[in-house]
């Protein structure tokens, strides 16, 4: 394990800045598609929760595809190619958008806005105990609108339902905007001490940074293709195992469970301990300093 490397900036197409109109346009055009991807996989399929880990793979895949197309554009039309800064701008904007529509934010927030009114009944007496303490403009109070979301067979584009959701959505949108701005200011505040004084490596950003700044070197690396091939082969094999249970799966996520071996006292007290094995975590660990990687492993919760 070692500290992070610093990819070099590729020549050509890198003199137009980072936050440009075309970078903003590409980001805004991709946001609805990636939001649909996240909601479909995390909420409907309830599988492959890309926003449950720090490195959003659905955004990384898009940046990899854009960077690969950008290589072809740079060879043919050098001045039209996206700069590394523009690719990173797209990455940041798509990551923030992925955070908003993620499993742990809007996918939970939206049902919570209608649940207090929908679940209120004479038995729990929420109408008397809970709802008077909640601001009416922060939740949906129209029972028909709440029932449309909970039961289905409804649409947001009916005037009555739309007006019922308008105030709470406006309030929470303003709150989330303020929250994102506060987090941005915190990042600006800590940028100098963390990057210039502490010289932190920020392992999560190293992969997108390398894709945006030096993709040809990455594609020529045999170690990259070796690691990618091993991880992809295991994942594809386990996918076939899920579809066809007769095929034995390779135990990657739950590699070792203590309950299978420690069944007698006092060792049965640690039966709930499970050793997890995630290839992407192993890869990211190589970007961490050795002492920090050891601390993450030693003090991690089983």
C-alpha atoms as a PDB file:
ATOM      1  CA  UNK A   1       0.000   0.000   0.000  1.00  0.00           C
ATOM      2  CA  UNK A   2       1.159   3.488  -0.668  1.00  0.00           C
ATOM      3  CA  UNK A   3       0.116   7.054  -1.141  1.00  0.00           C
ATOM      4  CA  UNK A   4      -1.849   8.247  -4.127  1.00  0.00           C
ATOM      5  CA  UNK A   5      -0.278   9.178  -7.422  1.00  0.00           C
ATOM      6  CA  UNK A   6      -0.818  12.374  -9.380  1.00  0.00           C
ATOM      7  CA  UNK A   7      -1.909  11.787 -12.971  1.00  0.00           C
ATOM      8  CA  UNK A   8      -0.590  14.152 -15.556  1.00  0.00           C
ATOM      9  CA  UNK A   9      -2.792  16.452 -17.608  1.00  0.00           C
ATOM     10  CA  UNK A  10      -3.235  15.268 -21.211  1.00  0.00           C
ATOM     11  CA  UNK A  11      -2.358  17.639 -24.035  1.00  0.00           C
ATOM     12  CA  UNK A  12      -4.962  19.204 -26.272  1.00  0.00           C
ATOM     13  CA  UNK A  13      -8.387  20.575 -25.479  1.00  0.00           C
ATOM     14  CA  UNK A  14      -7.396  21.710 -21.978  1.00  0.00           C
ATOM     15  CA  UNK A  15      -7.259  25.486 -22.285  1.00  0.00           C
ATOM     16  CA  UNK A  16     -10.974  26.300 -22.053  1.00  0.00           C
ATOM     17  CA  UNK A  17     -11.412  25.906 -18.306  1.00  0.00           C
ATOM     18  CA  UNK A  18     -13.387  23.443 -16.222  1.00  0.00           C
ATOM     19  CA  UNK A  19     -16.877  24.808 -15.542  1.00  0.00           C
ATOM     20  CA  UNK A  20     -17.949  25.520 -19.110  1.00  0.00           C
ATOM     21  CA  UNK A  21     -21.418  25.748 -20.707  1.00  0.00           C
ATOM     22  CA  UNK A  22     -20.986  22.433 -22.522  1.00  0.00           C
ATOM     23  CA  UNK A  23     -19.885  20.653 -19.342  1.00  0.00           C
ATOM     24  CA  UNK A  24     -22.972  22.003 -17.586  1.00  0.00           C
ATOM     25  CA  UNK A  25     -25.174  21.008 -20.528  1.00  0.00           C
ATOM     26  CA  UNK A  26     -23.818  17.451 -20.647  1.00  0.00           C
ATOM     27  CA  UNK A  27     -24.272  17.090 -16.889  1.00  0.00           C
ATOM     28  CA  UNK A  28     -27.855  18.363 -16.947  1.00  0.00           C
ATOM     29  CA  UNK A  29     -28.697  16.089 -19.893  1.00  0.00           C
ATOM     30  CA  UNK A  30     -27.335  13.016 -18.103  1.00  0.00           C
ATOM     31  CA  UNK A  31     -28.903  13.720 -14.701  1.00  0.00           C
ATOM     32  CA  UNK A  32     -32.428  12.442 -15.543  1.00  0.00           C
ATOM     33  CA  UNK A  33     -31.028   9.272 -17.119  1.00  0.00           C
ATOM     34  CA  UNK A  34     -28.814   8.500 -14.135  1.00  0.00           C
ATOM     35  CA  UNK A  35     -31.640   9.335 -11.730  1.00  0.00           C
ATOM     36  CA  UNK A  36     -33.794   6.799 -13.573  1.00  0.00           C
ATOM     37  CA  UNK A  37     -30.942   4.276 -13.310  1.00  0.00           C
ATOM     38  CA  UNK A  38     -30.571   4.822  -9.558  1.00  0.00           C
ATOM     39  CA  UNK A  39     -34.294   4.684  -8.801  1.00  0.00           C
ATOM     40  CA  UNK A  40     -34.816   1.625 -10.998  1.00  0.00           C
ATOM     41  CA  UNK A  41     -31.967  -0.340  -9.453  1.00  0.00           C
ATOM     42  CA  UNK A  42     -32.242   0.775  -5.832  1.00  0.00           C
ATOM     43  CA  UNK A  43     -35.988   1.254  -5.366  1.00  0.00           C
ATOM     44  CA  UNK A  44     -37.653  -1.077  -7.851  1.00  0.00           C
ATOM     45  CA  UNK A  45     -35.107  -3.894  -8.205  1.00  0.00           C
ATOM     46  CA  UNK A  46     -33.614  -3.196  -4.735  1.00  0.00           C
ATOM     47  CA  UNK A  47     -30.254  -4.409  -5.953  1.00  0.00           C
ATOM     48  CA  UNK A  48     -26.890  -2.887  -6.801  1.00  0.00           C
ATOM     49  CA  UNK A  49     -27.186   0.138  -4.528  1.00  0.00           C
ATOM     50  CA  UNK A  50     -24.594   2.314  -6.230  1.00  0.00           C
ATOM     51  CA  UNK A  51     -25.200   5.301  -3.944  1.00  0.00           C
ATOM     52  CA  UNK A  52     -24.709   3.209  -0.795  1.00  0.00           C
ATOM     53  CA  UNK A  53     -20.919   3.391  -1.253  1.00  0.00           C
ATOM     54  CA  UNK A  54     -18.725   6.462  -1.510  1.00  0.00           C
ATOM     55  CA  UNK A  55     -17.554   5.816  -5.079  1.00  0.00           C
ATOM     56  CA  UNK A  56     -20.742   5.919  -7.176  1.00  0.00           C
ATOM     57  CA  UNK A  57     -20.108   3.307  -9.832  1.00  0.00           C
ATOM     58  CA  UNK A  58     -22.981   4.503 -12.031  1.00  0.00           C
ATOM     59  CA  UNK A  59     -21.242   7.893 -12.314  1.00  0.00           C
ATOM     60  CA  UNK A  60     -17.784   6.341 -12.748  1.00  0.00           C
ATOM     61  CA  UNK A  61     -19.042   4.189 -15.629  1.00  0.00           C
ATOM     62  CA  UNK A  62     -20.465   7.264 -17.378  1.00  0.00           C
ATOM     63  CA  UNK A  63     -17.216   9.215 -16.912  1.00  0.00           C
ATOM     64  CA  UNK A  64     -15.261   6.252 -18.270  1.00  0.00           C
ATOM     65  CA  UNK A  65     -17.517   6.131 -21.359  1.00  0.00           C
ATOM     66  CA  UNK A  66     -17.253   9.907 -21.864  1.00  0.00           C
ATOM     67  CA  UNK A  67     -13.466   9.807 -21.482  1.00  0.00           C
ATOM     68  CA  UNK A  68     -13.216   6.960 -24.017  1.00  0.00           C
ATOM     69  CA  UNK A  69     -15.350   8.857 -26.542  1.00  0.00           C
ATOM     70  CA  UNK A  70     -13.315  11.962 -25.776  1.00  0.00           C
ATOM     71  CA  UNK A  71     -10.108  10.143 -26.787  1.00  0.00           C
ATOM     72  CA  UNK A  72     -11.569   9.479 -30.238  1.00  0.00           C
ATOM     73  CA  UNK A  73     -12.762  13.084 -30.519  1.00  0.00           C
ATOM     74  CA  UNK A  74      -9.337  14.372 -29.503  1.00  0.00           C
ATOM     75  CA  UNK A  75      -7.643  12.413 -32.295  1.00  0.00           C
ATOM     76  CA  UNK A  76     -10.062  13.725 -34.931  1.00  0.00           C
ATOM     77  CA  UNK A  77     -11.008  17.179 -33.616  1.00  0.00           C
ATOM     78  CA  UNK A  78      -8.493  18.195 -30.907  1.00  0.00           C
ATOM     79  CA  UNK A  79     -10.048  21.579 -30.220  1.00  0.00           C
ATOM     80  CA  UNK A  80     -13.511  20.066 -29.688  1.00  0.00           C
ATOM     81  CA  UNK A  81     -12.368  17.545 -27.082  1.00  0.00           C
ATOM     82  CA  UNK A  82     -13.410  17.942 -23.466  1.00  0.00           C
ATOM     83  CA  UNK A  83     -10.711  18.954 -21.038  1.00  0.00           C
ATOM     84  CA  UNK A  84      -9.873  16.962 -17.932  1.00  0.00           C
ATOM     85  CA  UNK A  85     -11.404  19.758 -15.870  1.00  0.00           C
ATOM     86  CA  UNK A  86     -14.670  19.519 -17.794  1.00  0.00           C
ATOM     87  CA  UNK A  87     -14.825  15.759 -17.260  1.00  0.00           C
ATOM     88  CA  UNK A  88     -14.272  16.260 -13.539  1.00  0.00           C
ATOM     89  CA  UNK A  89     -16.969  18.946 -13.487  1.00  0.00           C
ATOM     90  CA  UNK A  90     -19.374  16.448 -15.029  1.00  0.00           C
ATOM     91  CA  UNK A  91     -18.302  13.847 -12.476  1.00  0.00           C
ATOM     92  CA  UNK A  92     -18.912  16.187  -9.534  1.00  0.00           C
ATOM     93  CA  UNK A  93     -22.312  17.347 -10.799  1.00  0.00           C
ATOM     94  CA  UNK A  94     -23.517  13.807 -11.507  1.00  0.00           C
ATOM     95  CA  UNK A  95     -22.284  12.635  -8.103  1.00  0.00           C
ATOM     96  CA  UNK A  96     -24.206  15.392  -6.322  1.00  0.00           C
ATOM     97  CA  UNK A  97     -27.309  14.576  -8.378  1.00  0.00           C
ATOM     98  CA  UNK A  98     -26.877  10.895  -7.514  1.00  0.00           C
ATOM     99  CA  UNK A  99     -26.733  11.821  -3.840  1.00  0.00           C
ATOM    100  CA  UNK A 100     -30.049  13.654  -4.031  1.00  0.00           C
ATOM    101  CA  UNK A 101     -31.986  10.793  -5.651  1.00  0.00           C
ATOM    102  CA  UNK A 102     -30.212   8.120  -3.622  1.00  0.00           C
ATOM    103  CA  UNK A 103     -31.592   5.332  -1.485  1.00  0.00           C
ATOM    104  CA  UNK A 104     -30.731   7.249   1.704  1.00  0.00           C
ATOM    105  CA  UNK A 105     -32.210  10.623   0.747  1.00  0.00           C
ATOM    106  CA  UNK A 106     -35.131  11.323  -1.615  1.00  0.00           C
ATOM    107  CA  UNK A 107     -36.104   7.668  -1.902  1.00  0.00           C
ATOM    108  CA  UNK A 108     -36.793   7.725   1.845  1.00  0.00           C
ATOM    109  CA  UNK A 109     -37.786  11.379   2.210  1.00  0.00           C
ATOM    110  CA  UNK A 110     -40.681  11.288  -0.268  1.00  0.00           C
ATOM    111  CA  UNK A 111     -42.607   8.448   1.459  1.00  0.00           C
ATOM    112  CA  UNK A 112     -41.927  10.046   4.846  1.00  0.00           C
ATOM    113  CA  UNK A 113     -43.684  13.248   3.749  1.00  0.00           C
ATOM    114  CA  UNK A 114     -46.986  11.426   3.317  1.00  0.00           C
ATOM    115  CA  UNK A 115     -46.678   8.669   5.928  1.00  0.00           C
ATOM    116  CA  UNK A 116     -47.729  10.618   9.077  1.00  0.00           C
ATOM    117  CA  UNK A 117     -51.079  11.610   7.544  1.00  0.00           C
ATOM    118  CA  UNK A 118     -51.642   8.288   5.777  1.00  0.00           C
ATOM    119  CA  UNK A 119     -50.844   6.142   8.835  1.00  0.00           C
ATOM    120  CA  UNK A 120     -52.846   8.218  11.326  1.00  0.00           C
ATOM    121  CA  UNK A 121     -55.786   6.270  12.751  1.00  0.00           C
ATOM    122  CA  UNK A 122     -57.929   6.214  15.897  1.00  0.00           C
ATOM    123  CA  UNK A 123     -55.727   3.540  17.465  1.00  0.00           C
ATOM    124  CA  UNK A 124     -52.413   5.451  17.351  1.00  0.00           C
ATOM    125  CA  UNK A 125     -54.126   8.877  17.783  1.00  0.00           C
ATOM    126  CA  UNK A 126     -51.555  10.583  15.582  1.00  0.00           C
ATOM    127  CA  UNK A 127     -54.184  13.191  14.655  1.00  0.00           C
ATOM    128  CA  UNK A 128     -54.133  14.331  18.269  1.00  0.00           C
ATOM    129  CA  UNK A 129     -50.577  13.563  19.380  1.00  0.00           C
ATOM    130  CA  UNK A 130     -48.226  13.823  16.382  1.00  0.00           C
ATOM    131  CA  UNK A 131     -49.731  15.887  13.565  1.00  0.00           C
ATOM    132  CA  UNK A 132     -50.359  19.057  15.636  1.00  0.00           C
ATOM    133  CA  UNK A 133     -46.594  19.193  16.314  1.00  0.00           C
ATOM    134  CA  UNK A 134     -45.666  19.014  12.613  1.00  0.00           C
ATOM    135  CA  UNK A 135     -45.831  22.077  10.407  1.00  0.00           C
ATOM    136  CA  UNK A 136     -48.567  21.478   7.801  1.00  0.00           C
ATOM    137  CA  UNK A 137     -46.421  22.909   5.003  1.00  0.00           C
ATOM    138  CA  UNK A 138     -43.626  20.386   5.694  1.00  0.00           C
ATOM    139  CA  UNK A 139     -45.694  17.244   5.041  1.00  0.00           C
ATOM    140  CA  UNK A 140     -48.537  16.185   2.765  1.00  0.00           C
ATOM    141  CA  UNK A 141     -51.813  16.615   4.629  1.00  0.00           C
ATOM    142  CA  UNK A 142     -54.249  15.676   1.872  1.00  0.00           C
ATOM    143  CA  UNK A 143     -55.345  12.080   2.512  1.00  0.00           C
ATOM    144  CA  UNK A 144     -56.174  11.364  -1.148  1.00  0.00           C
ATOM    145  CA  UNK A 145     -52.680  12.474  -2.225  1.00  0.00           C
ATOM    146  CA  UNK A 146     -51.115  10.308   0.487  1.00  0.00           C
ATOM    147  CA  UNK A 147     -53.228   7.329  -0.538  1.00  0.00           C
ATOM    148  CA  UNK A 148     -52.252   7.803  -4.194  1.00  0.00           C
ATOM    149  CA  UNK A 149     -48.577   7.428  -3.282  1.00  0.00           C
ATOM    150  CA  UNK A 150     -49.028   4.541  -0.838  1.00  0.00           C
ATOM    151  CA  UNK A 151     -51.540   2.460  -2.771  1.00  0.00           C
ATOM    152  CA  UNK A 152     -50.688   3.426  -6.338  1.00  0.00           C
ATOM    153  CA  UNK A 153     -52.977   4.001  -9.316  1.00  0.00           C
ATOM    154  CA  UNK A 154     -52.395   7.727  -8.895  1.00  0.00           C
ATOM    155  CA  UNK A 155     -50.367  10.409 -10.615  1.00  0.00           C
ATOM    156  CA  UNK A 156     -48.603  13.582  -9.555  1.00  0.00           C
ATOM    157  CA  UNK A 157     -49.964  15.378 -12.610  1.00  0.00           C
ATOM    158  CA  UNK A 158     -53.514  15.656 -11.258  1.00  0.00           C
ATOM    159  CA  UNK A 159     -54.083  19.207 -10.058  1.00  0.00           C
ATOM    160  CA  UNK A 160     -55.285  18.206  -6.604  1.00  0.00           C
ATOM    161  CA  UNK A 161     -52.364  15.856  -5.997  1.00  0.00           C
ATOM    162  CA  UNK A 162     -49.860  18.355  -7.425  1.00  0.00           C
ATOM    163  CA  UNK A 163     -51.065  21.175  -5.169  1.00  0.00           C
ATOM    164  CA  UNK A 164     -50.967  18.884  -2.130  1.00  0.00           C
ATOM    165  CA  UNK A 165     -47.309  18.088  -2.792  1.00  0.00           C
ATOM    166  CA  UNK A 166     -46.276  21.587  -3.900  1.00  0.00           C
ATOM    167  CA  UNK A 167     -45.592  23.193  -0.505  1.00  0.00           C
ATOM    168  CA  UNK A 168     -43.716  20.289   1.154  1.00  0.00           C
ATOM    169  CA  UNK A 169     -41.620  19.688  -1.962  1.00  0.00           C
ATOM    170  CA  UNK A 170     -40.782  23.412  -2.195  1.00  0.00           C
ATOM    171  CA  UNK A 171     -39.781  23.511   1.483  1.00  0.00           C
ATOM    172  CA  UNK A 172     -37.596  20.398   1.373  1.00  0.00           C
ATOM    173  CA  UNK A 173     -36.036  21.464  -1.935  1.00  0.00           C
ATOM    174  CA  UNK A 174     -34.976  24.737  -0.320  1.00  0.00           C
ATOM    175  CA  UNK A 175     -33.683  22.845   2.711  1.00  0.00           C
ATOM    176  CA  UNK A 176     -31.645  20.422   0.571  1.00  0.00           C
ATOM    177  CA  UNK A 177     -30.241  23.325  -1.449  1.00  0.00           C
ATOM    178  CA  UNK A 178     -29.147  25.035   1.771  1.00  0.00           C
ATOM    179  CA  UNK A 179     -27.676  21.746   3.015  1.00  0.00           C
ATOM    180  CA  UNK A 180     -25.663  21.256  -0.177  1.00  0.00           C
ATOM    181  CA  UNK A 181     -24.394  24.830  -0.028  1.00  0.00           C
ATOM    182  CA  UNK A 182     -23.360  24.347   3.597  1.00  0.00           C
ATOM    183  CA  UNK A 183     -21.457  21.175   2.691  1.00  0.00           C
ATOM    184  CA  UNK A 184     -19.799  23.038  -0.182  1.00  0.00           C
ATOM    185  CA  UNK A 185     -18.674  25.812   2.169  1.00  0.00           C
ATOM    186  CA  UNK A 186     -17.310  23.217   4.611  1.00  0.00           C
ATOM    187  CA  UNK A 187     -15.309  21.669   1.761  1.00  0.00           C
ATOM    188  CA  UNK A 188     -13.914  25.069   0.804  1.00  0.00           C
ATOM    189  CA  UNK A 189     -13.028  25.745   4.442  1.00  0.00           C
ATOM    190  CA  UNK A 190     -11.106  22.487   4.871  1.00  0.00           C
ATOM    191  CA  UNK A 191      -9.558  22.326   1.401  1.00  0.00           C
ATOM    192  CA  UNK A 192      -6.332  24.156   2.200  1.00  0.00           C
ATOM    193  CA  UNK A 193      -5.411  22.422   5.489  1.00  0.00           C
ATOM    194  CA  UNK A 194      -6.331  18.992   4.132  1.00  0.00           C
ATOM    195  CA  UNK A 195      -4.729  19.237   0.685  1.00  0.00           C
ATOM    196  CA  UNK A 196      -1.763  21.575   1.263  1.00  0.00           C
ATOM    197  CA  UNK A 197      -0.817  20.946   4.903  1.00  0.00           C
ATOM    198  CA  UNK A 198      -2.016  17.430   5.710  1.00  0.00           C
ATOM    199  CA  UNK A 199      -1.432  16.280   2.106  1.00  0.00           C
ATOM    200  CA  UNK A 200      -4.315  13.807   2.281  1.00  0.00           C
ATOM    201  CA  UNK A 201      -4.593  11.438  -0.671  1.00  0.00           C
ATOM    202  CA  UNK A 202      -8.425  11.297  -1.001  1.00  0.00           C
ATOM    203  CA  UNK A 203      -8.532   7.725  -2.360  1.00  0.00           C
ATOM    204  CA  UNK A 204     -12.163   7.939  -3.509  1.00  0.00           C
ATOM    205  CA  UNK A 205     -11.338  10.582  -6.141  1.00  0.00           C
ATOM    206  CA  UNK A 206      -8.202   8.881  -7.468  1.00  0.00           C
ATOM    207  CA  UNK A 207     -10.021   6.585  -9.906  1.00  0.00           C
ATOM    208  CA  UNK A 208     -12.221   9.311 -11.499  1.00  0.00           C
ATOM    209  CA  UNK A 209      -9.177  11.623 -11.529  1.00  0.00           C
ATOM    210  CA  UNK A 210      -7.098   9.059 -13.390  1.00  0.00           C
ATOM    211  CA  UNK A 211      -9.911   8.374 -15.864  1.00  0.00           C
ATOM    212  CA  UNK A 212     -10.315  12.091 -16.589  1.00  0.00           C
ATOM    213  CA  UNK A 213      -6.644  13.026 -16.806  1.00  0.00           C
ATOM    214  CA  UNK A 214      -4.740   9.981 -18.048  1.00  0.00           C
ATOM    215  CA  UNK A 215      -7.080   7.359 -19.471  1.00  0.00           C
ATOM    216  CA  UNK A 216      -4.581   6.051 -22.104  1.00  0.00           C
ATOM    217  CA  UNK A 217      -2.114   5.041 -19.387  1.00  0.00           C
ATOM    218  CA  UNK A 218      -4.898   3.283 -17.506  1.00  0.00           C
ATOM    219  CA  UNK A 219      -6.011   1.339 -20.580  1.00  0.00           C
ATOM    220  CA  UNK A 220      -2.419   0.274 -21.284  1.00  0.00           C
ATOM    221  CA  UNK A 221      -1.858  -1.014 -17.756  1.00  0.00           C
ATOM    222  CA  UNK A 222      -1.728  -4.801 -17.531  1.00  0.00           C
ATOM    223  CA  UNK A 223      -2.308  -4.697 -13.778  1.00  0.00           C
ATOM    224  CA  UNK A 224      -5.512  -2.737 -14.345  1.00  0.00           C
ATOM    225  CA  UNK A 225      -6.864  -5.294 -16.809  1.00  0.00           C
ATOM    226  CA  UNK A 226      -5.778  -8.142 -14.525  1.00  0.00           C
ATOM    227  CA  UNK A 227      -7.633  -6.703 -11.538  1.00  0.00           C
ATOM    228  CA  UNK A 228     -10.623  -5.741 -13.668  1.00  0.00           C
ATOM    229  CA  UNK A 229     -10.756  -9.193 -15.254  1.00  0.00           C
ATOM    230  CA  UNK A 230     -10.634 -11.059 -11.941  1.00  0.00           C
ATOM    231  CA  UNK A 231     -13.329  -8.901 -10.328  1.00  0.00           C
ATOM    232  CA  UNK A 232     -15.532  -8.977 -13.445  1.00  0.00           C
ATOM    233  CA  UNK A 233     -15.198 -12.747 -13.824  1.00  0.00           C
ATOM    234  CA  UNK A 234     -16.258 -13.334 -10.209  1.00  0.00           C
ATOM    235  CA  UNK A 235     -19.189 -10.946 -10.561  1.00  0.00           C
ATOM    236  CA  UNK A 236     -20.379 -12.505 -13.835  1.00  0.00           C
ATOM    237  CA  UNK A 237     -20.031 -16.007 -12.388  1.00  0.00           C
ATOM    238  CA  UNK A 238     -22.086 -15.062  -9.327  1.00  0.00           C
ATOM    239  CA  UNK A 239     -24.669 -13.482 -11.625  1.00  0.00           C
ATOM    240  CA  UNK A 240     -25.109 -16.786 -13.437  1.00  0.00           C
ATOM    241  CA  UNK A 241     -25.257 -18.508 -10.054  1.00  0.00           C
ATOM    242  CA  UNK A 242     -28.115 -16.224  -9.003  1.00  0.00           C
ATOM    243  CA  UNK A 243     -30.050 -16.995 -12.192  1.00  0.00           C
ATOM    244  CA  UNK A 244     -29.192 -20.707 -12.076  1.00  0.00           C
ATOM    245  CA  UNK A 245     -28.813 -21.832  -8.415  1.00  0.00           C
ATOM    246  CA  UNK A 246     -27.295 -25.152  -9.504  1.00  0.00           C
ATOM    247  CA  UNK A 247     -24.098 -23.239 -10.289  1.00  0.00           C
ATOM    248  CA  UNK A 248     -22.108 -22.782  -7.041  1.00  0.00           C
ATOM    249  CA  UNK A 249     -21.462 -19.147  -6.147  1.00  0.00           C
ATOM    250  CA  UNK A 250     -18.077 -17.733  -5.180  1.00  0.00           C
ATOM    251  CA  UNK A 251     -18.477 -16.341  -1.618  1.00  0.00           C
ATOM    252  CA  UNK A 252     -17.322 -12.763  -2.028  1.00  0.00           C
ATOM    253  CA  UNK A 253     -19.608 -10.584   0.077  1.00  0.00           C
ATOM    254  CA  UNK A 254     -19.893 -12.942   3.059  1.00  0.00           C
ATOM    255  CA  UNK A 255     -16.593 -14.749   2.769  1.00  0.00           C
ATOM    256  CA  UNK A 256     -16.537 -16.156   6.302  1.00  0.00           C
ATOM    257  CA  UNK A 257     -19.207 -16.399   9.006  1.00  0.00           C
ATOM    258  CA  UNK A 258     -18.151 -17.260  12.533  1.00  0.00           C
ATOM    259  CA  UNK A 259     -21.550 -18.819  13.313  1.00  0.00           C
ATOM    260  CA  UNK A 260     -20.660 -21.781  11.086  1.00  0.00           C
ATOM    261  CA  UNK A 261     -17.660 -22.728  13.237  1.00  0.00           C
ATOM    262  CA  UNK A 262     -18.108 -21.287  16.734  1.00  0.00           C
ATOM    263  CA  UNK A 263     -21.251 -22.944  18.060  1.00  0.00           C
ATOM    264  CA  UNK A 264     -20.296 -23.622  21.671  1.00  0.00           C
ATOM    265  CA  UNK A 265     -19.852 -21.238  24.573  1.00  0.00           C
ATOM    266  CA  UNK A 266     -17.981 -18.991  25.113  1.00  0.00           C
ATOM    267  CA  UNK A 267     -17.008 -18.706  21.431  1.00  0.00           C
ATOM    268  CA  UNK A 268     -20.651 -18.562  20.331  1.00  0.00           C
ATOM    269  CA  UNK A 269     -20.697 -14.969  21.625  1.00  0.00           C
ATOM    270  CA  UNK A 270     -18.945 -13.883  18.427  1.00  0.00           C
ATOM    271  CA  UNK A 271     -21.170 -15.992  16.177  1.00  0.00           C
ATOM    272  CA  UNK A 272     -22.708 -12.888  14.583  1.00  0.00           C
ATOM    273  CA  UNK A 273     -19.294 -11.691  13.341  1.00  0.00           C
ATOM    274  CA  UNK A 274     -18.947 -11.908   9.566  1.00  0.00           C
ATOM    275  CA  UNK A 275     -15.872 -11.341   7.407  1.00  0.00           C
ATOM    276  CA  UNK A 276     -16.844  -9.459   4.246  1.00  0.00           C
ATOM    277  CA  UNK A 277     -14.741  -9.353   1.105  1.00  0.00           C
ATOM    278  CA  UNK A 278     -15.362  -6.576  -1.409  1.00  0.00           C
ATOM    279  CA  UNK A 279     -12.926  -6.370  -4.352  1.00  0.00           C
ATOM    280  CA  UNK A 280     -13.570  -2.648  -4.863  1.00  0.00           C
ATOM    281  CA  UNK A 281     -12.688  -1.954  -1.218  1.00  0.00           C
ATOM    282  CA  UNK A 282      -9.440  -3.880  -1.629  1.00  0.00           C
ATOM    283  CA  UNK A 283      -8.626  -1.779  -4.692  1.00  0.00           C
ATOM    284  CA  UNK A 284      -9.379   1.511  -2.943  1.00  0.00           C
ATOM    285  CA  UNK A 285      -7.238   0.467   0.019  1.00  0.00           C
ATOM    286  CA  UNK A 286      -4.145   0.597  -2.185  1.00  0.00           C
ATOM    287  CA  UNK A 287      -4.613   4.368  -2.388  1.00  0.00           C
ATOM    288  CA  UNK A 288      -4.528   4.717   1.412  1.00  0.00           C
ATOM    289  CA  UNK A 289      -1.410   5.199   3.543  1.00  0.00           C
ATOM    290  CA  UNK A 290      -0.532   1.988   5.342  1.00  0.00           C
ATOM    291  CA  UNK A 291      -1.242   3.298   8.853  1.00  0.00           C
ATOM    292  CA  UNK A 292      -4.651   4.668   7.832  1.00  0.00           C
ATOM    293  CA  UNK A 293      -5.595   1.429   6.047  1.00  0.00           C
ATOM    294  CA  UNK A 294      -4.636  -0.573   9.128  1.00  0.00           C
ATOM    295  CA  UNK A 295      -6.716   1.702  11.370  1.00  0.00           C
ATOM    296  CA  UNK A 296      -9.763   1.348   9.096  1.00  0.00           C
ATOM    297  CA  UNK A 297      -9.453  -2.437   9.274  1.00  0.00           C
ATOM    298  CA  UNK A 298      -8.554  -2.756  12.972  1.00  0.00           C
ATOM    299  CA  UNK A 299     -11.216  -0.390  14.316  1.00  0.00           C
ATOM    300  CA  UNK A 300     -13.964  -1.318  11.864  1.00  0.00           C
ATOM    301  CA  UNK A 301     -17.235  -2.654  13.248  1.00  0.00           C
ATOM    302  CA  UNK A 302     -17.813  -6.350  12.382  1.00  0.00           C
END
